[in-house]
Each structure stands twice: as structure tokens, then as C-alpha cells.
Amino acid sequence: MKLSKRERALLWTVFLMALWLMFYRFYMEPILIQLDGCEEEIREIQSRMERISSRKSGEQEALSPEEAGQGQLFYRNLTAGDMDRILRELAVASQIELLSFETGETSPMGTAGFYQTPVKLEFRCAGLNQWSDLAERIGSWGLGLQVKEVSLWEEETKDGAAGGRKGTMTVMFCHENE
């Protein structure tokens, strides 16, 4: 079967259109959908930056510790009671028993207006899994909460058998208010 020049041109046109449609459908469309999600995230970040930049110099933005823990660098309006509550909730979620909780002295950080407060915890856990779960939960809470020091040892029972683990941990809270 012999095709005329006109038929061959039409066939090539249809072929190129189908090729373009497949390229768009399977390559460009997923990229455009991904870009839509990125644009929304950019708008959210821009609005957050506008809120921060629109604050007057002495004014605090009303962001409580419950709203914190979303990856920000520091907490605002943080009290010792908030630190206690946050760490106790994380310990309960990790099935760790807190034995003592000691808040250290607040000191300035390298950036003006920002402070850090060490909190020393003494705890008891059944095994390493619970301790690593607590450290992971603290790490995922945000950059305003960091584990600085950890000591862990095996606890002995009265009869000399191993009875779980005991340890201390120093956690640093980075915050804006002194």
C-alpha cells in the first residue's frame, strides 16, 4: 500500500501530536502538580516571614509552646513549667520514668536576644529502645530542643541481677525570653 505525500504528512502530524500528548501527560503533568504543592508551601513560609518581620521591636508574637515544635529555631514565651510539661509528655510517650528534673541557669546564646536553658533529667527505662525513642522524640520536636549529654548505665536489683537501665540526660531549650 502506497501512501501519498498528503497522507504521510497527516500521519506524521498525528504521530507527533500523540508523542507530544504522551510527553505532557507522563512527564510535564507530574512536575506541574509538584510545583503547585511547592507554591503553597512558599506562600505559607512567606506569610510566616511577614508576621515575624511586622512585629515591633519589643512585641512578642503569641506562639505558645504547644504551637511550637514545628521545626523552628527557638521558642517564645517559654517558662520552666512549659519545659517540665513538654519533657514529661515526651517521657510518658516513650514509656520512661522520670526520677528527677532540674532546670539549670539560663544563659545568652551567640545571637542577641536569644537564650538557652539546660534541663537535666534523671530517668529509668526498661531498655535501650525506650531511651532511643525518647531521644528520637526530642530530636523530632524541633531545633528549639536539643539533647546535649547522655549517660546510661545498667541498674542492678537488690539481688544483683540486671533490672533495666538508669541514666541522665541534659536537654537544651533555645528560647527568646530570658
Foldseek 3Di string as FASTA:
>chain_A
DDDDPVVVVVVVVVVVVVVVVCCCVPPVVVVVVVVVVVVVVVVVVVVVVVVVVPDDDVDDDPQALVNALPADQAAEPDDPVNVVVVLVVLLVVLVKAWPDKAKADWDADPDPQKIKIKIKTKIWDAEPSSVVSSQVVQVSSYNQKHWDDKDKDFDADPVGDTGGMIIMTIMMGMHRHD
